[in-house]
Amino acid sequence: MDNLKKNQRSYCMSRIRSHDTRIEILFRKLLWSQGIRSYRLKAKISGKPDLFFPKLKIAVFIDGCFWHHCPKCYKRPKTKKKYWDQKIAGNVKRDSNITQQLRKDHITVFRFWEHEISKHSEECLKKLMEGINEKAKNG
């Protein structure tokens, strides 16, 4: 059972950001510090990637560990288990479908977990830079 009233829970859920999260801003600042500025934040492609490099056709998603069922960090809620199981499973399925669709459209997809950006941002940057350099080299 939820220990908040319906209007309280609604307010709490409305405060959860879908873009410009702390982790996204952290990663964008890291890119900016490396002189990487050729990305878009609001690309009109499937899945609404967090970053999109239009010339290179690279989409970057930064997935929240709870919302996208991180195998390392996900903790199943103790209340409304059926609801959350369906919600999270739907997110995971949608992520998979979006990745497949973008790859069919010849877009390279990078997916980073929230905890990877917060704890190992330099490694994530390195992976992305390798992808950028590979795409730039091969055209």
C-alpha atoms as a PDB file:
ATOM      1  CA  MET A   1       0.000   0.000   0.000  1.00  0.00           C
ATOM      2  CA  ASP A   2       1.227   3.461  -0.870  1.00  0.00           C
ATOM      3  CA  ASN A   3       1.853   5.637   2.179  1.00  0.00           C
ATOM      4  CA  LEU A   4       1.034   8.843   0.285  1.00  0.00           C
ATOM      5  CA  LYS A   5      -2.381  10.158  -0.649  1.00  0.00           C
ATOM      6  CA  LYS A   6      -3.302  10.127  -4.323  1.00  0.00           C
ATOM      7  CA  ASN A   7      -2.758  13.887  -4.785  1.00  0.00           C
ATOM      8  CA  GLN A   8       0.590  13.698  -2.945  1.00  0.00           C
ATOM      9  CA  ARG A   9       1.778  10.809  -5.127  1.00  0.00           C
ATOM     10  CA  SER A  10       0.609  12.644  -8.241  1.00  0.00           C
ATOM     11  CA  TYR A  11       2.619  15.699  -7.221  1.00  0.00           C
ATOM     12  CA  CYS A  12       5.733  13.606  -6.522  1.00  0.00           C
ATOM     13  CA  MET A  13       5.465  11.849  -9.892  1.00  0.00           C
ATOM     14  CA  SER A  14       4.972  15.166 -11.700  1.00  0.00           C
ATOM     15  CA  ARG A  15       8.362  16.327 -10.381  1.00  0.00           C
ATOM     16  CA  ILE A  16      10.219  13.512 -12.158  1.00  0.00           C
ATOM     17  CA  ARG A  17      11.968  14.978 -15.177  1.00  0.00           C
ATOM     18  CA  SER A  18      11.970  13.298 -18.559  1.00  0.00           C
ATOM     19  CA  HIS A  19      14.748  15.473 -19.982  1.00  0.00           C
ATOM     20  CA  ASP A  20      17.509  17.757 -18.719  1.00  0.00           C
ATOM     21  CA  THR A  21      18.117  15.458 -15.777  1.00  0.00           C
ATOM     22  CA  ARG A  22      21.180  15.930 -13.599  1.00  0.00           C
ATOM     23  CA  ILE A  23      22.903  13.003 -15.327  1.00  0.00           C
ATOM     24  CA  GLU A  24      22.129  14.298 -18.832  1.00  0.00           C
ATOM     25  CA  ILE A  25      23.461  17.745 -17.957  1.00  0.00           C
ATOM     26  CA  LEU A  26      26.596  16.192 -16.425  1.00  0.00           C
ATOM     27  CA  PHE A  27      27.279  14.247 -19.627  1.00  0.00           C
ATOM     28  CA  ARG A  28      26.578  17.248 -21.867  1.00  0.00           C
ATOM     29  CA  LYS A  29      29.005  19.364 -19.823  1.00  0.00           C
ATOM     30  CA  LEU A  30      31.620  16.674 -20.269  1.00  0.00           C
ATOM     31  CA  LEU A  31      31.037  16.674 -24.039  1.00  0.00           C
ATOM     32  CA  TRP A  32      31.156  20.473 -24.095  1.00  0.00           C
ATOM     33  CA  SER A  33      34.468  20.474 -22.194  1.00  0.00           C
ATOM     34  CA  GLN A  34      35.897  18.200 -24.905  1.00  0.00           C
ATOM     35  CA  GLY A  35      34.753  20.570 -27.652  1.00  0.00           C
ATOM     36  CA  ILE A  36      31.931  18.317 -28.842  1.00  0.00           C
ATOM     37  CA  ARG A  37      29.061  20.574 -29.830  1.00  0.00           C
ATOM     38  CA  SER A  38      27.530  19.109 -32.985  1.00  0.00           C
ATOM     39  CA  TYR A  39      24.626  17.345 -31.268  1.00  0.00           C
ATOM     40  CA  ARG A  40      20.939  18.182 -31.041  1.00  0.00           C
ATOM     41  CA  LEU A  41      18.747  17.813 -27.975  1.00  0.00           C
ATOM     42  CA  LYS A  42      15.342  17.674 -29.652  1.00  0.00           C
ATOM     43  CA  ALA A  43      15.800  15.486 -32.704  1.00  0.00           C
ATOM     44  CA  LYS A  44      12.712  14.502 -34.630  1.00  0.00           C
ATOM     45  CA  ILE A  45      13.535  10.817 -34.844  1.00  0.00           C
ATOM     46  CA  SER A  46      12.099   7.713 -33.196  1.00  0.00           C
ATOM     47  CA  GLY A  47      12.580   7.394 -29.477  1.00  0.00           C
ATOM     48  CA  LYS A  48      13.547  10.965 -28.640  1.00  0.00           C
ATOM     49  CA  PRO A  49      17.238  10.356 -27.919  1.00  0.00           C
ATOM     50  CA  ASP A  50      18.893  12.486 -25.256  1.00  0.00           C
ATOM     51  CA  LEU A  51      21.532  13.520 -27.805  1.00  0.00           C
ATOM     52  CA  PHE A  52      21.545  13.177 -31.568  1.00  0.00           C
ATOM     53  CA  PHE A  53      24.408  13.842 -33.956  1.00  0.00           C
ATOM     54  CA  PRO A  54      22.548  14.428 -37.255  1.00  0.00           C
ATOM     55  CA  LYS A  55      25.533  14.485 -39.629  1.00  0.00           C
ATOM     56  CA  LEU A  56      26.966  11.285 -38.175  1.00  0.00           C
ATOM     57  CA  LYS A  57      23.602   9.631 -37.519  1.00  0.00           C
ATOM     58  CA  ILE A  58      24.413   8.789 -33.895  1.00  0.00           C
ATOM     59  CA  ALA A  59      21.727   8.656 -31.200  1.00  0.00           C
ATOM     60  CA  VAL A  60      22.618   8.633 -27.511  1.00  0.00           C
ATOM     61  CA  PHE A  61      20.215   7.504 -24.806  1.00  0.00           C
ATOM     62  CA  ILE A  62      20.923   7.904 -21.098  1.00  0.00           C
ATOM     63  CA  ASP A  63      18.623   5.413 -19.424  1.00  0.00           C
ATOM     64  CA  GLY A  64      17.552   5.824 -15.820  1.00  0.00           C
ATOM     65  CA  CYS A  65      18.376   2.723 -13.795  1.00  0.00           C
ATOM     66  CA  PHE A  66      14.881   2.432 -12.296  1.00  0.00           C
ATOM     67  CA  TRP A  67      12.781   3.386 -15.325  1.00  0.00           C
ATOM     68  CA  HIS A  68      14.636   1.150 -17.767  1.00  0.00           C
ATOM     69  CA  HIS A  69      15.357  -1.852 -15.482  1.00  0.00           C
ATOM     70  CA  CYS A  70      19.119  -1.692 -15.069  1.00  0.00           C
ATOM     71  CA  PRO A  71      20.366  -5.237 -14.383  1.00  0.00           C
ATOM     72  CA  LYS A  72      22.807  -3.834 -11.814  1.00  0.00           C
ATOM     73  CA  CYS A  73      20.766  -1.210  -9.939  1.00  0.00           C
ATOM     74  CA  TYR A  74      17.055  -1.898 -10.396  1.00  0.00           C
ATOM     75  CA  LYS A  75      15.107  -2.341  -7.180  1.00  0.00           C
ATOM     76  CA  ARG A  76      11.559  -3.581  -7.551  1.00  0.00           C
ATOM     77  CA  PRO A  77       9.060  -1.378  -5.708  1.00  0.00           C
ATOM     78  CA  LYS A  78       7.421  -2.927  -2.661  1.00  0.00           C
ATOM     79  CA  THR A  79       3.967  -1.573  -3.483  1.00  0.00           C
ATOM     80  CA  LYS A  80       1.814  -1.894  -6.594  1.00  0.00           C
ATOM     81  CA  LYS A  81       4.159  -4.585  -7.914  1.00  0.00           C
ATOM     82  CA  LYS A  82       1.927  -5.617 -10.802  1.00  0.00           C
ATOM     83  CA  TYR A  83       1.590  -2.025 -12.008  1.00  0.00           C
ATOM     84  CA  TRP A  84       5.338  -1.366 -11.827  1.00  0.00           C
ATOM     85  CA  ASP A  85       6.273  -4.693 -13.390  1.00  0.00           C
ATOM     86  CA  GLN A  86       4.070  -3.895 -16.396  1.00  0.00           C
ATOM     87  CA  LYS A  87       5.257  -0.281 -16.597  1.00  0.00           C
ATOM     88  CA  ILE A  88       8.965  -1.136 -16.488  1.00  0.00           C
ATOM     89  CA  ALA A  89       8.577  -4.122 -18.851  1.00  0.00           C
ATOM     90  CA  GLY A  90       6.824  -1.810 -21.314  1.00  0.00           C
ATOM     91  CA  ASN A  91       9.705   0.660 -21.104  1.00  0.00           C
ATOM     92  CA  VAL A  92      12.259  -2.092 -21.747  1.00  0.00           C
ATOM     93  CA  LYS A  93      10.284  -3.414 -24.730  1.00  0.00           C
ATOM     94  CA  ARG A  94       9.898   0.091 -26.163  1.00  0.00           C
ATOM     95  CA  ASP A  95      13.667   0.700 -25.749  1.00  0.00           C
ATOM     96  CA  SER A  96      14.410  -2.492 -27.674  1.00  0.00           C
ATOM     97  CA  ASN A  97      11.959  -1.621 -30.456  1.00  0.00           C
ATOM     98  CA  ILE A  98      13.352   1.904 -30.770  1.00  0.00           C
ATOM     99  CA  THR A  99      16.928   0.641 -30.953  1.00  0.00           C
ATOM    100  CA  GLN A 100      15.969  -1.850 -33.684  1.00  0.00           C
ATOM    101  CA  GLN A 101      14.106   0.816 -35.659  1.00  0.00           C
ATOM    102  CA  LEU A 102      16.965   3.305 -35.477  1.00  0.00           C
ATOM    103  CA  ARG A 103      19.456   0.657 -36.580  1.00  0.00           C
ATOM    104  CA  LYS A 104      17.209  -0.155 -39.566  1.00  0.00           C
ATOM    105  CA  ASP A 105      17.394   3.562 -40.373  1.00  0.00           C
ATOM    106  CA  HIS A 106      21.233   3.298 -40.310  1.00  0.00           C
ATOM    107  CA  ILE A 107      21.546   5.255 -37.071  1.00  0.00           C
ATOM    108  CA  THR A 108      24.180   4.129 -34.577  1.00  0.00           C
ATOM    109  CA  VAL A 109      22.709   3.832 -31.093  1.00  0.00           C
ATOM    110  CA  PHE A 110      24.581   4.299 -27.824  1.00  0.00           C
ATOM    111  CA  ARG A 111      22.789   3.496 -24.568  1.00  0.00           C
ATOM    112  CA  PHE A 112      24.369   4.416 -21.260  1.00  0.00           C
ATOM    113  CA  TRP A 113      22.970   3.630 -17.832  1.00  0.00           C
ATOM    114  CA  GLU A 114      22.504   6.430 -15.343  1.00  0.00           C
ATOM    115  CA  HIS A 115      25.024   4.813 -12.969  1.00  0.00           C
ATOM    116  CA  GLU A 116      27.610   4.522 -15.769  1.00  0.00           C
ATOM    117  CA  ILE A 117      27.462   8.262 -16.412  1.00  0.00           C
ATOM    118  CA  SER A 118      27.583   9.159 -12.725  1.00  0.00           C
ATOM    119  CA  LYS A 119      30.432   6.769 -11.823  1.00  0.00           C
ATOM    120  CA  HIS A 120      32.336   6.224 -15.083  1.00  0.00           C
ATOM    121  CA  SER A 121      31.572   9.239 -17.272  1.00  0.00           C
ATOM    122  CA  GLU A 122      35.058   9.254 -18.811  1.00  0.00           C
ATOM    123  CA  GLU A 123      34.593   5.659 -20.033  1.00  0.00           C
ATOM    124  CA  CYS A 124      31.213   6.557 -21.544  1.00  0.00           C
ATOM    125  CA  LEU A 125      32.778   9.565 -23.221  1.00  0.00           C
ATOM    126  CA  LYS A 126      35.560   7.346 -24.591  1.00  0.00           C
ATOM    127  CA  LYS A 127      33.025   4.871 -26.076  1.00  0.00           C
ATOM    128  CA  LEU A 128      31.072   7.696 -27.668  1.00  0.00           C
ATOM    129  CA  MET A 129      34.229   9.361 -29.019  1.00  0.00           C
ATOM    130  CA  GLU A 130      35.299   6.058 -30.594  1.00  0.00           C
ATOM    131  CA  GLY A 131      31.896   5.845 -32.279  1.00  0.00           C
ATOM    132  CA  ILE A 132      32.073   9.455 -33.454  1.00  0.00           C
ATOM    133  CA  ASN A 133      35.591   9.014 -34.821  1.00  0.00           C
ATOM    134  CA  GLU A 134      34.654   5.739 -36.570  1.00  0.00           C
ATOM    135  CA  LYS A 135      31.594   7.320 -38.225  1.00  0.00           C
ATOM    136  CA  ALA A 136      33.543  10.437 -39.230  1.00  0.00           C
ATOM    137  CA  LYS A 137      36.324   8.304 -40.714  1.00  0.00           C
ATOM    138  CA  ASN A 138      33.998   6.002 -42.665  1.00  0.00           C
ATOM    139  CA  GLY A 139      31.579   8.693 -43.729  1.00  0.00           C
END
